[in-house]
């Protein structure tokens, strides 16, 4: 089953599909320009393509007035609960991610940027970095993306981004991860953009999971 068929199976809205495709596109571009230690390329792409399958529960109820969307979101919550990260892991397992890939998916979250910076896993670093480069409307610089996260989540008391000091430290860690990746890659950060990943996205729509 290709990734678009999987997205349709879970009734994901197009903006969520595009987010995951863009993240995978960024990772694919890095992989094709990688000069560092051997990495598990397929694991990186598979994790990126499936990393936010549960994010439909984070989408506000009033995102769409369409009755179909409201029904789908309600069904998700009834079946999986409201913890989007746990849903990501659960659906990842359902769609065939192996234990190593689940560990990457679990570890790549921005709240774990300090651990990712210190990690030996470049699979984890690349997945985390690419996710943190993709804003709702496309690929942006890492600092711009995470400064936006500070604004969007500042009023959510349980979010790490609501704590200014912690958020700034996570941004510094993310910039450190970027430096680590670029050291082993024939790219500069600005080379990763919407135009440079466009052809990858079209190919990834046919990717078989």
C-alpha atoms as a PDB file:
ATOM      1  CA  UNK A   1       0.000   0.000   0.000  1.00  0.00           C
ATOM      2  CA  UNK A   2       1.490   3.381  -0.913  1.00  0.00           C
ATOM      3  CA  UNK A   3       1.584   6.270   1.535  1.00  0.00           C
ATOM      4  CA  UNK A   4      -1.297   8.204  -0.046  1.00  0.00           C
ATOM      5  CA  UNK A   5      -3.513   5.117   0.246  1.00  0.00           C
ATOM      6  CA  UNK A   6      -2.538   4.895   3.928  1.00  0.00           C
ATOM      7  CA  UNK A   7      -3.363   8.566   4.470  1.00  0.00           C
ATOM      8  CA  UNK A   8      -6.749   8.022   2.843  1.00  0.00           C
ATOM      9  CA  UNK A   9      -7.346   4.931   4.952  1.00  0.00           C
ATOM     10  CA  UNK A  10      -7.020   7.104   8.059  1.00  0.00           C
ATOM     11  CA  UNK A  11      -8.984   9.978   6.459  1.00  0.00           C
ATOM     12  CA  UNK A  12      -6.229  12.510   7.066  1.00  0.00           C
ATOM     13  CA  UNK A  13      -6.852  16.094   5.920  1.00  0.00           C
ATOM     14  CA  UNK A  14      -4.680  17.280   3.048  1.00  0.00           C
ATOM     15  CA  UNK A  15      -2.688  19.790   5.127  1.00  0.00           C
ATOM     16  CA  UNK A  16      -1.573  17.004   7.487  1.00  0.00           C
ATOM     17  CA  UNK A  17      -0.659  14.761   4.545  1.00  0.00           C
ATOM     18  CA  UNK A  18       1.404  17.568   3.017  1.00  0.00           C
ATOM     19  CA  UNK A  19       3.224  18.226   6.265  1.00  0.00           C
ATOM     20  CA  UNK A  20       4.451  14.632   6.447  1.00  0.00           C
ATOM     21  CA  UNK A  21       5.323  14.562   2.747  1.00  0.00           C
ATOM     22  CA  UNK A  22       7.337  17.776   3.104  1.00  0.00           C
ATOM     23  CA  UNK A  23       9.213  16.423   6.126  1.00  0.00           C
ATOM     24  CA  UNK A  24       9.992  13.227   4.207  1.00  0.00           C
ATOM     25  CA  UNK A  25      11.002  15.313   1.191  1.00  0.00           C
ATOM     26  CA  UNK A  26      13.495  17.277   3.300  1.00  0.00           C
ATOM     27  CA  UNK A  27      14.925  14.044   4.677  1.00  0.00           C
ATOM     28  CA  UNK A  28      15.194  12.557   1.188  1.00  0.00           C
ATOM     29  CA  UNK A  29      17.143  15.605  -0.001  1.00  0.00           C
ATOM     30  CA  UNK A  30      19.552  15.271   2.931  1.00  0.00           C
ATOM     31  CA  UNK A  31      19.943  11.536   2.311  1.00  0.00           C
ATOM     32  CA  UNK A  32      20.867  12.148  -1.332  1.00  0.00           C
ATOM     33  CA  UNK A  33      23.551  14.615  -0.245  1.00  0.00           C
ATOM     34  CA  UNK A  34      24.831  12.674   2.775  1.00  0.00           C
ATOM     35  CA  UNK A  35      28.584  12.159   3.190  1.00  0.00           C
ATOM     36  CA  UNK A  36      28.710  10.981   6.793  1.00  0.00           C
ATOM     37  CA  UNK A  37      28.486   7.622   8.531  1.00  0.00           C
ATOM     38  CA  UNK A  38      26.207   4.937   7.150  1.00  0.00           C
ATOM     39  CA  UNK A  39      22.571   5.655   7.927  1.00  0.00           C
ATOM     40  CA  UNK A  40      19.360   3.657   7.575  1.00  0.00           C
ATOM     41  CA  UNK A  41      17.800   5.676   4.758  1.00  0.00           C
ATOM     42  CA  UNK A  42      14.573   3.689   4.558  1.00  0.00           C
ATOM     43  CA  UNK A  43      13.974   4.015   8.299  1.00  0.00           C
ATOM     44  CA  UNK A  44      14.310   7.800   8.048  1.00  0.00           C
ATOM     45  CA  UNK A  45      11.831   8.068   5.182  1.00  0.00           C
ATOM     46  CA  UNK A  46       9.338   5.638   6.728  1.00  0.00           C
ATOM     47  CA  UNK A  47       9.360   7.492  10.059  1.00  0.00           C
ATOM     48  CA  UNK A  48       8.981  10.887   8.377  1.00  0.00           C
ATOM     49  CA  UNK A  49       6.064   9.703   6.234  1.00  0.00           C
ATOM     50  CA  UNK A  50       4.174   8.369   9.262  1.00  0.00           C
ATOM     51  CA  UNK A  51       5.336  10.616  12.095  1.00  0.00           C
ATOM     52  CA  UNK A  52       2.171  12.678  12.633  1.00  0.00           C
ATOM     53  CA  UNK A  53      -0.631  10.209  11.894  1.00  0.00           C
ATOM     54  CA  UNK A  54      -2.321  11.041  15.197  1.00  0.00           C
ATOM     55  CA  UNK A  55      -2.222  14.805  14.859  1.00  0.00           C
ATOM     56  CA  UNK A  56      -5.836  14.930  13.740  1.00  0.00           C
ATOM     57  CA  UNK A  57      -6.770  14.970  17.456  1.00  0.00           C
ATOM     58  CA  UNK A  58      -4.753  18.200  17.856  1.00  0.00           C
ATOM     59  CA  UNK A  59      -6.690  19.950  15.109  1.00  0.00           C
ATOM     60  CA  UNK A  60      -9.309  22.230  16.727  1.00  0.00           C
ATOM     61  CA  UNK A  61     -12.923  21.093  16.445  1.00  0.00           C
ATOM     62  CA  UNK A  62     -13.789  24.229  14.520  1.00  0.00           C
ATOM     63  CA  UNK A  63     -11.023  23.635  11.939  1.00  0.00           C
ATOM     64  CA  UNK A  64     -13.675  22.429   9.535  1.00  0.00           C
ATOM     65  CA  UNK A  65     -17.416  22.686   9.612  1.00  0.00           C
ATOM     66  CA  UNK A  66     -17.670  19.596   7.437  1.00  0.00           C
ATOM     67  CA  UNK A  67     -19.631  16.897   9.193  1.00  0.00           C
ATOM     68  CA  UNK A  68     -17.302  14.209   7.814  1.00  0.00           C
ATOM     69  CA  UNK A  69     -14.232  15.757   9.459  1.00  0.00           C
ATOM     70  CA  UNK A  70     -16.029  16.111  12.799  1.00  0.00           C
ATOM     71  CA  UNK A  71     -17.029  12.443  12.649  1.00  0.00           C
ATOM     72  CA  UNK A  72     -13.508  11.276  11.794  1.00  0.00           C
ATOM     73  CA  UNK A  73     -11.928  13.310  14.595  1.00  0.00           C
ATOM     74  CA  UNK A  74     -14.474  11.994  17.086  1.00  0.00           C
ATOM     75  CA  UNK A  75     -13.821   8.408  15.962  1.00  0.00           C
ATOM     76  CA  UNK A  76     -10.072   8.897  16.415  1.00  0.00           C
ATOM     77  CA  UNK A  77     -10.576  10.120  19.972  1.00  0.00           C
ATOM     78  CA  UNK A  78     -12.955   7.272  20.805  1.00  0.00           C
ATOM     79  CA  UNK A  79     -10.526   4.685  19.409  1.00  0.00           C
ATOM     80  CA  UNK A  80      -7.150   6.076  20.457  1.00  0.00           C
ATOM     81  CA  UNK A  81      -7.699   8.798  23.084  1.00  0.00           C
ATOM     82  CA  UNK A  82      -6.400  12.373  22.928  1.00  0.00           C
ATOM     83  CA  UNK A  83      -2.619  11.900  23.264  1.00  0.00           C
ATOM     84  CA  UNK A  84      -1.397  12.594  19.744  1.00  0.00           C
ATOM     85  CA  UNK A  85       2.097  11.222  20.387  1.00  0.00           C
ATOM     86  CA  UNK A  86       0.781   7.899  21.683  1.00  0.00           C
ATOM     87  CA  UNK A  87      -1.484   7.700  18.631  1.00  0.00           C
ATOM     88  CA  UNK A  88       1.501   8.369  16.344  1.00  0.00           C
ATOM     89  CA  UNK A  89       3.336   5.439  17.923  1.00  0.00           C
ATOM     90  CA  UNK A  90       0.298   3.157  17.805  1.00  0.00           C
ATOM     91  CA  UNK A  91      -0.510   3.828  14.146  1.00  0.00           C
ATOM     92  CA  UNK A  92       3.191   3.590  13.289  1.00  0.00           C
ATOM     93  CA  UNK A  93       3.211   0.071  14.718  1.00  0.00           C
ATOM     94  CA  UNK A  94      -0.032  -0.780  12.899  1.00  0.00           C
ATOM     95  CA  UNK A  95       1.495   0.318   9.602  1.00  0.00           C
ATOM     96  CA  UNK A  96       4.632  -1.764  10.038  1.00  0.00           C
ATOM     97  CA  UNK A  97       7.268   0.408  11.689  1.00  0.00           C
ATOM     98  CA  UNK A  98       9.781  -1.877  13.381  1.00  0.00           C
ATOM     99  CA  UNK A  99      11.123  -1.354  16.904  1.00  0.00           C
ATOM    100  CA  UNK A 100      14.128   0.685  15.742  1.00  0.00           C
ATOM    101  CA  UNK A 101      11.843   2.992  13.745  1.00  0.00           C
ATOM    102  CA  UNK A 102       9.431   3.376  16.667  1.00  0.00           C
ATOM    103  CA  UNK A 103      12.382   4.426  18.845  1.00  0.00           C
ATOM    104  CA  UNK A 104      13.335   7.070  16.262  1.00  0.00           C
ATOM    105  CA  UNK A 105       9.723   8.274  16.116  1.00  0.00           C
ATOM    106  CA  UNK A 106       9.541   8.476  19.909  1.00  0.00           C
ATOM    107  CA  UNK A 107      12.904  10.237  20.237  1.00  0.00           C
ATOM    108  CA  UNK A 108      12.623  12.824  17.466  1.00  0.00           C
ATOM    109  CA  UNK A 109      10.188  15.103  19.280  1.00  0.00           C
ATOM    110  CA  UNK A 110      11.298  18.703  19.763  1.00  0.00           C
ATOM    111  CA  UNK A 111      10.906  18.392  23.528  1.00  0.00           C
ATOM    112  CA  UNK A 112      13.770  15.872  23.352  1.00  0.00           C
ATOM    113  CA  UNK A 113      16.117  18.108  21.352  1.00  0.00           C
ATOM    114  CA  UNK A 114      18.794  18.019  24.054  1.00  0.00           C
ATOM    115  CA  UNK A 115      18.848  14.207  23.991  1.00  0.00           C
ATOM    116  CA  UNK A 116      18.808  14.212  20.183  1.00  0.00           C
ATOM    117  CA  UNK A 117      21.762  16.610  20.085  1.00  0.00           C
ATOM    118  CA  UNK A 118      23.751  14.246  22.318  1.00  0.00           C
ATOM    119  CA  UNK A 119      22.550  11.094  20.537  1.00  0.00           C
ATOM    120  CA  UNK A 120      24.764   9.035  18.206  1.00  0.00           C
ATOM    121  CA  UNK A 121      21.790   8.349  15.927  1.00  0.00           C
ATOM    122  CA  UNK A 122      21.836  10.443  12.776  1.00  0.00           C
ATOM    123  CA  UNK A 123      18.540   8.830  11.785  1.00  0.00           C
ATOM    124  CA  UNK A 124      16.990  10.466  14.840  1.00  0.00           C
ATOM    125  CA  UNK A 125      18.776  13.783  14.207  1.00  0.00           C
ATOM    126  CA  UNK A 126      17.640  13.959  10.568  1.00  0.00           C
ATOM    127  CA  UNK A 127      14.012  13.085  11.387  1.00  0.00           C
ATOM    128  CA  UNK A 128      13.904  15.642  14.207  1.00  0.00           C
ATOM    129  CA  UNK A 129      15.559  18.344  12.145  1.00  0.00           C
ATOM    130  CA  UNK A 130      13.371  17.887   9.076  1.00  0.00           C
ATOM    131  CA  UNK A 131      10.188  17.954  11.148  1.00  0.00           C
ATOM    132  CA  UNK A 132      11.344  21.161  12.794  1.00  0.00           C
ATOM    133  CA  UNK A 133      12.033  22.778   9.407  1.00  0.00           C
ATOM    134  CA  UNK A 134       8.461  22.352   8.142  1.00  0.00           C
ATOM    135  CA  UNK A 135       5.903  24.960   9.178  1.00  0.00           C
ATOM    136  CA  UNK A 136       2.175  24.612   8.376  1.00  0.00           C
ATOM    137  CA  UNK A 137       2.627  26.358   5.023  1.00  0.00           C
ATOM    138  CA  UNK A 138       5.985  24.951   3.947  1.00  0.00           C
ATOM    139  CA  UNK A 139       9.700  24.745   4.639  1.00  0.00           C
ATOM    140  CA  UNK A 140      11.252  27.573   6.665  1.00  0.00           C
ATOM    141  CA  UNK A 141      14.439  28.224   8.637  1.00  0.00           C
ATOM    142  CA  UNK A 142      14.808  26.311  11.894  1.00  0.00           C
ATOM    143  CA  UNK A 143      14.827  29.412  14.103  1.00  0.00           C
ATOM    144  CA  UNK A 144      11.778  30.894  12.375  1.00  0.00           C
ATOM    145  CA  UNK A 145       9.892  27.630  12.741  1.00  0.00           C
ATOM    146  CA  UNK A 146      10.600  27.206  16.440  1.00  0.00           C
ATOM    147  CA  UNK A 147      10.083  30.858  17.332  1.00  0.00           C
ATOM    148  CA  UNK A 148       6.638  30.410  15.782  1.00  0.00           C
ATOM    149  CA  UNK A 149       6.094  27.350  18.017  1.00  0.00           C
ATOM    150  CA  UNK A 150       6.815  29.539  21.052  1.00  0.00           C
ATOM    151  CA  UNK A 151       4.038  31.904  19.985  1.00  0.00           C
ATOM    152  CA  UNK A 152       1.522  29.194  19.058  1.00  0.00           C
ATOM    153  CA  UNK A 153       1.947  27.145  22.247  1.00  0.00           C
ATOM    154  CA  UNK A 154       2.734  29.864  24.807  1.00  0.00           C
ATOM    155  CA  UNK A 155      -0.728  29.613  26.384  1.00  0.00           C
ATOM    156  CA  UNK A 156      -0.622  25.821  26.737  1.00  0.00           C
ATOM    157  CA  UNK A 157       0.697  25.277  30.277  1.00  0.00           C
ATOM    158  CA  UNK A 158       1.819  21.672  29.686  1.00  0.00           C
ATOM    159  CA  UNK A 159       3.789  22.558  26.552  1.00  0.00           C
ATOM    160  CA  UNK A 160       7.582  22.941  26.804  1.00  0.00           C
ATOM    161  CA  UNK A 161       7.157  25.937  24.500  1.00  0.00           C
ATOM    162  CA  UNK A 162       5.179  27.832  27.142  1.00  0.00           C
ATOM    163  CA  UNK A 163       8.376  28.205  29.204  1.00  0.00           C
ATOM    164  CA  UNK A 164      10.511  30.929  27.593  1.00  0.00           C
ATOM    165  CA  UNK A 165      13.823  29.731  29.042  1.00  0.00           C
ATOM    166  CA  UNK A 166      13.198  26.081  28.161  1.00  0.00           C
ATOM    167  CA  UNK A 167      11.949  26.993  24.676  1.00  0.00           C
ATOM    168  CA  UNK A 168      15.054  29.085  23.948  1.00  0.00           C
ATOM    169  CA  UNK A 169      17.281  26.219  25.074  1.00  0.00           C
ATOM    170  CA  UNK A 170      15.451  23.765  22.791  1.00  0.00           C
ATOM    171  CA  UNK A 171      15.959  26.175  19.876  1.00  0.00           C
ATOM    172  CA  UNK A 172      19.693  26.298  20.619  1.00  0.00           C
ATOM    173  CA  UNK A 173      19.774  22.489  20.680  1.00  0.00           C
ATOM    174  CA  UNK A 174      17.971  22.382  17.327  1.00  0.00           C
ATOM    175  CA  UNK A 175      20.514  24.777  15.810  1.00  0.00           C
ATOM    176  CA  UNK A 176      23.208  22.461  17.173  1.00  0.00           C
ATOM    177  CA  UNK A 177      21.542  19.475  15.479  1.00  0.00           C
ATOM    178  CA  UNK A 178      21.485  21.452  12.233  1.00  0.00           C
ATOM    179  CA  UNK A 179      25.246  22.050  12.486  1.00  0.00           C
ATOM    180  CA  UNK A 180      25.861  18.346  13.146  1.00  0.00           C
ATOM    181  CA  UNK A 181      23.888  17.337  10.055  1.00  0.00           C
ATOM    182  CA  UNK A 182      25.350  19.991   7.756  1.00  0.00           C
ATOM    183  CA  UNK A 183      28.861  18.911   8.723  1.00  0.00           C
ATOM    184  CA  UNK A 184      28.172  15.583   6.962  1.00  0.00           C
ATOM    185  CA  UNK A 185      26.037  16.855   4.099  1.00  0.00           C
ATOM    186  CA  UNK A 186      26.710  18.592   0.767  1.00  0.00           C
ATOM    187  CA  UNK A 187      24.055  21.173   1.556  1.00  0.00           C
ATOM    188  CA  UNK A 188      23.594  24.456   3.355  1.00  0.00           C
ATOM    189  CA  UNK A 189      20.430  24.979   5.413  1.00  0.00           C
ATOM    190  CA  UNK A 190      19.044  27.408   2.817  1.00  0.00           C
ATOM    191  CA  UNK A 191      19.351  24.703   0.128  1.00  0.00           C
ATOM    192  CA  UNK A 192      16.492  22.889   1.855  1.00  0.00           C
ATOM    193  CA  UNK A 193      13.354  24.678   0.709  1.00  0.00           C
ATOM    194  CA  UNK A 194       9.983  24.121  -0.961  1.00  0.00           C
ATOM    195  CA  UNK A 195      11.461  24.215  -4.456  1.00  0.00           C
ATOM    196  CA  UNK A 196      14.285  21.775  -3.765  1.00  0.00           C
ATOM    197  CA  UNK A 197      11.984  19.130  -2.257  1.00  0.00           C
ATOM    198  CA  UNK A 198       9.158  19.404  -4.807  1.00  0.00           C
ATOM    199  CA  UNK A 199      10.301  16.478  -6.994  1.00  0.00           C
ATOM    200  CA  UNK A 200      10.859  14.318  -3.917  1.00  0.00           C
ATOM    201  CA  UNK A 201       7.295  14.882  -2.763  1.00  0.00           C
ATOM    202  CA  UNK A 202       5.889  13.643  -6.063  1.00  0.00           C
ATOM    203  CA  UNK A 203       8.011  10.488  -5.858  1.00  0.00           C
ATOM    204  CA  UNK A 204       7.176   9.915  -2.198  1.00  0.00           C
ATOM    205  CA  UNK A 205       3.453   9.894  -2.935  1.00  0.00           C
ATOM    206  CA  UNK A 206       4.073   6.492  -4.545  1.00  0.00           C
ATOM    207  CA  UNK A 207       6.253   5.204  -1.689  1.00  0.00           C
ATOM    208  CA  UNK A 208       5.231   1.734  -0.553  1.00  0.00           C
ATOM    209  CA  UNK A 209       5.094   1.193   3.194  1.00  0.00           C
END
